[in-house]
Amino acid sequence: MIKCHLSRIMGEKKLRVADVARAVGVHRNAITLLYEETASRVEMDTINKLCAFLDCGIQDLFEYLPEGEN
């Protein structure tokens, strides 16, 4: 299972979904799906833009958890 930490990172930085979407140039729905951990796929360009904007690495944004460890 892939865990997305976008909501935690955004909370720490006091950012709203709309603000992030506008800043990275990605549709708000794409950010919402990641924020709520309901996305089934993510464009590499979106990941790149998020990491650059949030000043984090991909390992900070996503985490792999083997099944049963969630």
C-alpha atoms as a PDB file:
ATOM      1  CA  MET A   1       0.000   0.000   0.000  1.00  0.00           C
ATOM      2  CA  ILE A   2       1.218   3.496  -0.804  1.00  0.00           C
ATOM      3  CA  LYS A   3       0.571   6.109   1.875  1.00  0.00           C
ATOM      4  CA  CYS A   4       0.454   9.776   0.889  1.00  0.00           C
ATOM      5  CA  HIS A   5       1.540  12.326   3.488  1.00  0.00           C
ATOM      6  CA  LEU A   6       0.301  15.391   1.615  1.00  0.00           C
ATOM      7  CA  SER A   7      -2.357  16.245   4.209  1.00  0.00           C
ATOM      8  CA  ARG A   8       0.212  16.144   7.034  1.00  0.00           C
ATOM      9  CA  ILE A   9       2.717  18.270   5.116  1.00  0.00           C
ATOM     10  CA  MET A  10       0.062  20.775   4.125  1.00  0.00           C
ATOM     11  CA  GLY A  11      -1.160  20.953   7.724  1.00  0.00           C
ATOM     12  CA  GLU A  12       2.352  21.624   9.008  1.00  0.00           C
ATOM     13  CA  LYS A  13       2.757  24.420   6.468  1.00  0.00           C
ATOM     14  CA  LYS A  14      -0.803  25.696   6.986  1.00  0.00           C
ATOM     15  CA  LEU A  15      -1.685  25.343   3.306  1.00  0.00           C
ATOM     16  CA  ARG A  16      -5.109  24.824   1.750  1.00  0.00           C
ATOM     17  CA  VAL A  17      -5.876  22.545  -1.193  1.00  0.00           C
ATOM     18  CA  ALA A  18      -6.822  25.501  -3.387  1.00  0.00           C
ATOM     19  CA  ASP A  19      -3.570  27.310  -2.565  1.00  0.00           C
ATOM     20  CA  VAL A  20      -1.438  24.284  -3.449  1.00  0.00           C
ATOM     21  CA  ALA A  21      -3.373  23.588  -6.639  1.00  0.00           C
ATOM     22  CA  ARG A  22      -2.984  27.182  -7.788  1.00  0.00           C
ATOM     23  CA  ALA A  23       0.712  27.346  -6.882  1.00  0.00           C
ATOM     24  CA  VAL A  24       1.690  24.136  -8.693  1.00  0.00           C
ATOM     25  CA  GLY A  25      -0.676  24.569 -11.636  1.00  0.00           C
ATOM     26  CA  VAL A  26      -2.567  21.329 -11.093  1.00  0.00           C
ATOM     27  CA  HIS A  27      -6.342  20.893 -11.037  1.00  0.00           C
ATOM     28  CA  ARG A  28      -7.771  21.180  -7.527  1.00  0.00           C
ATOM     29  CA  ASN A  29      -9.385  17.749  -7.817  1.00  0.00           C
ATOM     30  CA  ALA A  30      -5.981  16.086  -8.301  1.00  0.00           C
ATOM     31  CA  ILE A  31      -4.685  17.663  -5.081  1.00  0.00           C
ATOM     32  CA  THR A  32      -7.883  16.759  -3.221  1.00  0.00           C
ATOM     33  CA  LEU A  33      -7.567  13.095  -4.245  1.00  0.00           C
ATOM     34  CA  LEU A  34      -3.993  12.994  -2.943  1.00  0.00           C
ATOM     35  CA  TYR A  35      -4.931  14.912   0.202  1.00  0.00           C
ATOM     36  CA  GLU A  36      -7.723  12.437   0.984  1.00  0.00           C
ATOM     37  CA  GLU A  37      -5.591   9.451  -0.109  1.00  0.00           C
ATOM     38  CA  THR A  38      -8.188   8.329  -2.637  1.00  0.00           C
ATOM     39  CA  ALA A  39      -6.117   8.820  -5.807  1.00  0.00           C
ATOM     40  CA  SER A  40      -5.552   5.683  -7.855  1.00  0.00           C
ATOM     41  CA  ARG A  41      -2.854   7.234 -10.048  1.00  0.00           C
ATOM     42  CA  VAL A  42      -0.660  10.309 -10.044  1.00  0.00           C
ATOM     43  CA  GLU A  43       1.166  11.986 -12.909  1.00  0.00           C
ATOM     44  CA  MET A  44       4.938  12.152 -12.479  1.00  0.00           C
ATOM     45  CA  ASP A  45       4.795  15.845 -13.373  1.00  0.00           C
ATOM     46  CA  THR A  46       2.371  16.431 -10.491  1.00  0.00           C
ATOM     47  CA  ILE A  47       4.708  14.685  -8.046  1.00  0.00           C
ATOM     48  CA  ASN A  48       7.612  16.744  -9.339  1.00  0.00           C
ATOM     49  CA  LYS A  49       5.693  20.017  -8.938  1.00  0.00           C
ATOM     50  CA  LEU A  50       4.498  19.102  -5.440  1.00  0.00           C
ATOM     51  CA  CYS A  51       7.983  18.170  -4.249  1.00  0.00           C
ATOM     52  CA  ALA A  52       9.412  21.419  -5.631  1.00  0.00           C
ATOM     53  CA  PHE A  53       6.657  23.583  -4.121  1.00  0.00           C
ATOM     54  CA  LEU A  54       6.656  21.843  -0.731  1.00  0.00           C
ATOM     55  CA  ASP A  55      10.464  21.653  -0.654  1.00  0.00           C
ATOM     56  CA  CYS A  56      10.410  17.940   0.103  1.00  0.00           C
ATOM     57  CA  GLY A  57      11.589  14.681  -1.398  1.00  0.00           C
ATOM     58  CA  ILE A  58       9.362  12.025  -2.867  1.00  0.00           C
ATOM     59  CA  GLN A  59      10.110   9.878   0.193  1.00  0.00           C
ATOM     60  CA  ASP A  60       8.579  12.617   2.351  1.00  0.00           C
ATOM     61  CA  LEU A  61       5.434  12.698   0.237  1.00  0.00           C
ATOM     62  CA  PHE A  62       4.892   8.958  -0.262  1.00  0.00           C
ATOM     63  CA  GLU A  63       5.610   5.879   1.812  1.00  0.00           C
ATOM     64  CA  TYR A  64       5.328   2.200   0.930  1.00  0.00           C
ATOM     65  CA  LEU A  65       3.732   0.011   3.579  1.00  0.00           C
ATOM     66  CA  PRO A  66       3.544  -3.740   3.003  1.00  0.00           C
ATOM     67  CA  GLU A  67       0.001  -5.121   3.178  1.00  0.00           C
ATOM     68  CA  GLY A  68      -1.164  -5.533   6.770  1.00  0.00           C
ATOM     69  CA  GLU A  69       1.089  -2.774   8.140  1.00  0.00           C
ATOM     70  CA  ASN A  70      -1.288   0.128   7.498  1.00  0.00           C
END
